[in-house]
Amino acid sequence: MDKLELKGKWNELKGKAKQAHGDLTDDDLKYEEGKDDELYGRLQQKLGKTRDEVVSWLRSL
């Protein structure tokens, strides 16, 4: 998932991610410009998945 795709669809993806995993918080899903890797890292820790798995999961939402 490239940065523009992530940035453009983030609010929609965030809602779907929270529906899929109720334990995700706004802090877990906080998107900041230029900190994509940090976001993926938080999701990796919370979900217990690799970066590629997280990216694939977000694409599937």
PDB file of N, CA and C in Angstrom:
ATOM      1  N   MET A   1       0.872  -1.172   0.000  1.00  0.00           N
ATOM      2  CA  MET A   1       0.000   0.000   0.000  1.00  0.00           C
ATOM      3  C   MET A   1       0.907   1.219   0.000  1.00  0.00           C
ATOM      4  N   ASP A   2       0.792   2.055  -1.017  1.00  0.00           N
ATOM      5  CA  ASP A   2       1.662   3.222  -1.062  1.00  0.00           C
ATOM      6  C   ASP A   2       1.105   4.338  -0.185  1.00  0.00           C
ATOM      7  N   LYS A   3       1.939   5.368  -0.001  1.00  0.00           N
ATOM      8  CA  LYS A   3       1.580   6.438   0.931  1.00  0.00           C
ATOM      9  C   LYS A   3       0.340   7.205   0.507  1.00  0.00           C
ATOM     10  N   LEU A   4       0.189   7.461  -0.787  1.00  0.00           N
ATOM     11  CA  LEU A   4      -0.992   8.188  -1.238  1.00  0.00           C
ATOM     12  C   LEU A   4      -2.263   7.378  -1.038  1.00  0.00           C
ATOM     13  N   GLU A   5      -2.172   6.090  -1.290  1.00  0.00           N
ATOM     14  CA  GLU A   5      -3.334   5.220  -1.101  1.00  0.00           C
ATOM     15  C   GLU A   5      -3.724   5.182   0.376  1.00  0.00           C
ATOM     16  N   LEU A   6      -2.717   5.062   1.232  1.00  0.00           N
ATOM     17  CA  LEU A   6      -2.963   5.041   2.671  1.00  0.00           C
ATOM     18  C   LEU A   6      -3.545   6.363   3.139  1.00  0.00           C
ATOM     19  N   LYS A   7      -2.957   7.458   2.728  1.00  0.00           N
ATOM     20  CA  LYS A   7      -3.416   8.771   3.162  1.00  0.00           C
ATOM     21  C   LYS A   7      -4.832   9.060   2.676  1.00  0.00           C
ATOM     22  N   GLY A   8      -5.115   8.752   1.415  1.00  0.00           N
ATOM     23  CA  GLY A   8      -6.404   9.088   0.829  1.00  0.00           C
ATOM     24  C   GLY A   8      -7.561   8.304   1.396  1.00  0.00           C
ATOM     25  N   LYS A   9      -7.326   7.084   1.803  1.00  0.00           N
ATOM     26  CA  LYS A   9      -8.407   6.220   2.259  1.00  0.00           C
ATOM     27  C   LYS A   9      -8.358   5.958   3.761  1.00  0.00           C
ATOM     28  N   TRP A  10      -7.527   6.667   4.483  1.00  0.00           N
ATOM     29  CA  TRP A  10      -7.277   6.280   5.854  1.00  0.00           C
ATOM     30  C   TRP A  10      -8.509   6.311   6.743  1.00  0.00           C
ATOM     31  N   ASN A  11      -9.343   7.328   6.662  1.00  0.00           N
ATOM     32  CA  ASN A  11     -10.526   7.392   7.541  1.00  0.00           C
ATOM     33  C   ASN A  11     -11.455   6.212   7.300  1.00  0.00           C
ATOM     34  N   GLU A  12     -11.635   5.854   6.046  1.00  0.00           N
ATOM     35  CA  GLU A  12     -12.477   4.703   5.716  1.00  0.00           C
ATOM     36  C   GLU A  12     -11.852   3.407   6.230  1.00  0.00           C
ATOM     37  N   LEU A  13     -10.558   3.246   6.000  1.00  0.00           N
ATOM     38  CA  LEU A  13      -9.864   2.038   6.451  1.00  0.00           C
ATOM     39  C   LEU A  13      -9.854   1.934   7.971  1.00  0.00           C
ATOM     40  N   LYS A  14      -9.694   3.067   8.638  1.00  0.00           N
ATOM     41  CA  LYS A  14      -9.647   3.066  10.102  1.00  0.00           C
ATOM     42  C   LYS A  14     -10.945   2.518  10.686  1.00  0.00           C
ATOM     43  N   GLY A  15     -12.071   2.934  10.144  1.00  0.00           N
ATOM     44  CA  GLY A  15     -13.362   2.432  10.624  1.00  0.00           C
ATOM     45  C   GLY A  15     -13.508   0.941  10.403  1.00  0.00           C
ATOM     46  N   LYS A  16     -13.105   0.467   9.238  1.00  0.00           N
ATOM     47  CA  LYS A  16     -13.187  -0.959   8.940  1.00  0.00           C
ATOM     48  C   LYS A  16     -12.237  -1.759   9.824  1.00  0.00           C
ATOM     49  N   ALA A  17     -11.055  -1.222  10.085  1.00  0.00           N
ATOM     50  CA  ALA A  17     -10.094  -1.908  10.945  1.00  0.00           C
ATOM     51  C   ALA A  17     -10.642  -2.054  12.362  1.00  0.00           C
ATOM     52  N   LYS A  18     -11.288  -1.013  12.868  1.00  0.00           N
ATOM     53  CA  LYS A  18     -11.874  -1.071  14.213  1.00  0.00           C
ATOM     54  C   LYS A  18     -13.022  -2.077  14.281  1.00  0.00           C
ATOM     55  N   GLN A  19     -13.787  -2.189  13.194  1.00  0.00           N
ATOM     56  CA  GLN A  19     -14.862  -3.174  13.155  1.00  0.00           C
ATOM     57  C   GLN A  19     -14.296  -4.586  13.174  1.00  0.00           C
ATOM     58  N   ALA A  20     -13.212  -4.797  12.448  1.00  0.00           N
ATOM     59  CA  ALA A  20     -12.609  -6.127  12.352  1.00  0.00           C
ATOM     60  C   ALA A  20     -11.884  -6.527  13.629  1.00  0.00           C
ATOM     61  N   HIS A  21     -11.267  -5.555  14.292  1.00  0.00           N
ATOM     62  CA  HIS A  21     -10.511  -5.814  15.517  1.00  0.00           C
ATOM     63  C   HIS A  21     -10.919  -4.770  16.549  1.00  0.00           C
ATOM     64  N   GLY A  22     -11.893  -5.104  17.355  1.00  0.00           N
ATOM     65  CA  GLY A  22     -12.452  -4.175  18.327  1.00  0.00           C
ATOM     66  C   GLY A  22     -11.473  -3.649  19.351  1.00  0.00           C
ATOM     67  N   ASP A  23     -10.322  -4.315  19.518  1.00  0.00           N
ATOM     68  CA  ASP A  23      -9.349  -3.862  20.507  1.00  0.00           C
ATOM     69  C   ASP A  23      -8.418  -2.777  19.963  1.00  0.00           C
ATOM     70  N   LEU A  24      -8.545  -2.425  18.678  1.00  0.00           N
ATOM     71  CA  LEU A  24      -7.738  -1.338  18.128  1.00  0.00           C
ATOM     72  C   LEU A  24      -8.316  -0.009  18.589  1.00  0.00           C
ATOM     73  N   THR A  25      -7.443   0.893  19.000  1.00  0.00           N
ATOM     74  CA  THR A  25      -7.865   2.208  19.488  1.00  0.00           C
ATOM     75  C   THR A  25      -7.494   3.280  18.473  1.00  0.00           C
ATOM     76  N   ASP A  26      -7.989   4.492  18.717  1.00  0.00           N
ATOM     77  CA  ASP A  26      -7.607   5.621  17.863  1.00  0.00           C
ATOM     78  C   ASP A  26      -6.104   5.855  17.915  1.00  0.00           C
ATOM     79  N   ASP A  27      -5.497   5.647  19.076  1.00  0.00           N
ATOM     80  CA  ASP A  27      -4.047   5.812  19.191  1.00  0.00           C
ATOM     81  C   ASP A  27      -3.305   4.779  18.345  1.00  0.00           C
ATOM     82  N   ASP A  28      -3.807   3.540  18.314  1.00  0.00           N
ATOM     83  CA  ASP A  28      -3.190   2.504  17.481  1.00  0.00           C
ATOM     84  C   ASP A  28      -3.276   2.870  16.008  1.00  0.00           C
ATOM     85  N   LEU A  29      -4.353   3.535  15.634  1.00  0.00           N
ATOM     86  CA  LEU A  29      -4.633   3.815  14.231  1.00  0.00           C
ATOM     87  C   LEU A  29      -4.340   5.254  13.834  1.00  0.00           C
ATOM     88  N   LYS A  30      -3.593   5.963  14.650  1.00  0.00           N
ATOM     89  CA  LYS A  30      -3.274   7.357  14.362  1.00  0.00           C
ATOM     90  C   LYS A  30      -2.335   7.436  13.161  1.00  0.00           C
ATOM     91  N   TYR A  31      -2.783   8.128  12.125  1.00  0.00           N
ATOM     92  CA  TYR A  31      -1.970   8.310  10.922  1.00  0.00           C
ATOM     93  C   TYR A  31      -1.370   9.699  10.941  1.00  0.00           C
ATOM     94  N   GLU A  32      -0.046   9.769  10.830  1.00  0.00           N
ATOM     95  CA  GLU A  32       0.635  11.045  10.734  1.00  0.00           C
ATOM     96  C   GLU A  32       1.465  11.050   9.465  1.00  0.00           C
ATOM     97  N   GLU A  33       1.428  12.158   8.775  1.00  0.00           N
ATOM     98  CA  GLU A  33       2.191  12.313   7.541  1.00  0.00           C
ATOM     99  C   GLU A  33       3.656  11.955   7.765  1.00  0.00           C
ATOM    100  N   GLY A  34       4.178  11.073   6.933  1.00  0.00           N
ATOM    101  CA  GLY A  34       5.581  10.690   7.008  1.00  0.00           C
ATOM    102  C   GLY A  34       5.899   9.634   8.043  1.00  0.00           C
ATOM    103  N   LYS A  35       4.905   9.139   8.764  1.00  0.00           N
ATOM    104  CA  LYS A  35       5.158   8.150   9.805  1.00  0.00           C
ATOM    105  C   LYS A  35       4.432   6.842   9.512  1.00  0.00           C
ATOM    106  N   ASP A  36       4.394   6.477   8.243  1.00  0.00           N
ATOM    107  CA  ASP A  36       3.717   5.249   7.829  1.00  0.00           C
ATOM    108  C   ASP A  36       4.324   4.029   8.502  1.00  0.00           C
ATOM    109  N   ASP A  37       5.668   3.991   8.559  1.00  0.00           N
ATOM    110  CA  ASP A  37       6.345   2.840   9.149  1.00  0.00           C
ATOM    111  C   ASP A  37       5.983   2.680  10.623  1.00  0.00           C
ATOM    112  N   GLU A  38       5.829   3.794  11.309  1.00  0.00           N
ATOM    113  CA  GLU A  38       5.442   3.756  12.729  1.00  0.00           C
ATOM    114  C   GLU A  38       4.033   3.171  12.877  1.00  0.00           C
ATOM    115  N   LEU A  39       3.130   3.569  12.007  1.00  0.00           N
ATOM    116  CA  LEU A  39       1.767   3.037  12.020  1.00  0.00           C
ATOM    117  C   LEU A  39       1.779   1.532  11.784  1.00  0.00           C
ATOM    118  N   TYR A  40       2.502   1.103  10.755  1.00  0.00           N
ATOM    119  CA  TYR A  40       2.582  -0.330  10.470  1.00  0.00           C
ATOM    120  C   TYR A  40       3.179  -1.081  11.657  1.00  0.00           C
ATOM    121  N   GLY A  41       4.172  -0.500  12.304  1.00  0.00           N
ATOM    122  CA  GLY A  41       4.786  -1.135  13.474  1.00  0.00           C
ATOM    123  C   GLY A  41       3.800  -1.299  14.619  1.00  0.00           C
ATOM    124  N   ARG A  42       2.993  -0.270  14.874  1.00  0.00           N
ATOM    125  CA  ARG A  42       1.977  -0.362  15.937  1.00  0.00           C
ATOM    126  C   ARG A  42       0.978  -1.460  15.620  1.00  0.00           C
ATOM    127  N   LEU A  43       0.547  -1.521  14.361  1.00  0.00           N
ATOM    128  CA  LEU A  43      -0.412  -2.555  13.968  1.00  0.00           C
ATOM    129  C   LEU A  43       0.211  -3.943  14.034  1.00  0.00           C
ATOM    130  N   GLN A  44       1.479  -4.067  13.656  1.00  0.00           N
ATOM    131  CA  GLN A  44       2.162  -5.355  13.749  1.00  0.00           C
ATOM    132  C   GLN A  44       2.161  -5.852  15.190  1.00  0.00           C
ATOM    133  N   GLN A  45       2.510  -4.983  16.115  1.00  0.00           N
ATOM    134  CA  GLN A  45       2.554  -5.365  17.532  1.00  0.00           C
ATOM    135  C   GLN A  45       1.174  -5.747  18.033  1.00  0.00           C
ATOM    136  N   LYS A  46       0.188  -4.938  17.728  1.00  0.00           N
ATOM    137  CA  LYS A  46      -1.155  -5.161  18.248  1.00  0.00           C
ATOM    138  C   LYS A  46      -1.791  -6.430  17.666  1.00  0.00           C
ATOM    139  N   LEU A  47      -1.535  -6.690  16.376  1.00  0.00           N
ATOM    140  CA  LEU A  47      -2.177  -7.814  15.703  1.00  0.00           C
ATOM    141  C   LEU A  47      -1.311  -9.068  15.670  1.00  0.00           C
ATOM    142  N   GLY A  48      -0.029  -8.935  15.986  1.00  0.00           N
ATOM    143  CA  GLY A  48       0.861 -10.092  15.958  1.00  0.00           C
ATOM    144  C   GLY A  48       1.112 -10.599  14.541  1.00  0.00           C
ATOM    145  N   LYS A  49       1.201  -9.671  13.598  1.00  0.00           N
ATOM    146  CA  LYS A  49       1.400 -10.031  12.201  1.00  0.00           C
ATOM    147  C   LYS A  49       2.666  -9.369  11.663  1.00  0.00           C
ATOM    148  N   THR A  50       3.142  -9.863  10.529  1.00  0.00           N
ATOM    149  CA  THR A  50       4.286  -9.236   9.876  1.00  0.00           C
ATOM    150  C   THR A  50       3.809  -7.989   9.144  1.00  0.00           C
ATOM    151  N   ARG A  51       4.757  -7.172   8.726  1.00  0.00           N
ATOM    152  CA  ARG A  51       4.404  -5.956   7.984  1.00  0.00           C
ATOM    153  C   ARG A  51       3.627  -6.314   6.713  1.00  0.00           C
ATOM    154  N   ASP A  52       4.100  -7.316   5.991  1.00  0.00           N
ATOM    155  CA  ASP A  52       3.413  -7.720   4.760  1.00  0.00           C
ATOM    156  C   ASP A  52       1.986  -8.193   5.036  1.00  0.00           C
ATOM    157  N   GLU A  53       1.795  -8.902   6.143  1.00  0.00           N
ATOM    158  CA  GLU A  53       0.456  -9.354   6.513  1.00  0.00           C
ATOM    159  C   GLU A  53      -0.444  -8.171   6.853  1.00  0.00           C
ATOM    160  N   VAL A  54       0.120  -7.172   7.545  1.00  0.00           N
ATOM    161  CA  VAL A  54      -0.649  -5.971   7.896  1.00  0.00           C
ATOM    162  C   VAL A  54      -1.052  -5.225   6.632  1.00  0.00           C
ATOM    163  N   VAL A  55      -0.108  -5.049   5.714  1.00  0.00           N
ATOM    164  CA  VAL A  55      -0.402  -4.344   4.465  1.00  0.00           C
ATOM    165  C   VAL A  55      -1.465  -5.099   3.669  1.00  0.00           C
ATOM    166  N   SER A  56      -1.328  -6.413   3.577  1.00  0.00           N
ATOM    167  CA  SER A  56      -2.319  -7.223   2.864  1.00  0.00           C
ATOM    168  C   SER A  56      -3.687  -7.114   3.516  1.00  0.00           C
ATOM    169  N   TRP A  57      -3.721  -7.150   4.843  1.00  0.00           N
ATOM    170  CA  TRP A  57      -4.973  -7.031   5.574  1.00  0.00           C
ATOM    171  C   TRP A  57      -5.630  -5.676   5.296  1.00  0.00           C
ATOM    172  N   LEU A  58      -4.854  -4.600   5.335  1.00  0.00           N
ATOM    173  CA  LEU A  58      -5.415  -3.272   5.068  1.00  0.00           C
ATOM    174  C   LEU A  58      -5.949  -3.181   3.641  1.00  0.00           C
ATOM    175  N   ARG A  59      -5.232  -3.768   2.706  1.00  0.00           N
ATOM    176  CA  ARG A  59      -5.701  -3.769   1.314  1.00  0.00           C
ATOM    177  C   ARG A  59      -7.007  -4.532   1.153  1.00  0.00           C
ATOM    178  N   SER A  60      -7.207  -5.536   1.984  1.00  0.00           N
ATOM    179  CA  SER A  60      -8.407  -6.366   1.858  1.00  0.00           C
ATOM    180  C   SER A  60      -9.646  -5.689   2.446  1.00  0.00           C
ATOM    181  N   LEU A  61      -9.463  -4.646   3.232  1.00  0.00           N
ATOM    182  CA  LEU A  61     -10.605  -3.991   3.882  1.00  0.00           C
ATOM    183  C   LEU A  61     -11.457  -3.222   2.897  1.00  0.00           C
TER     184      LEU A  61
END
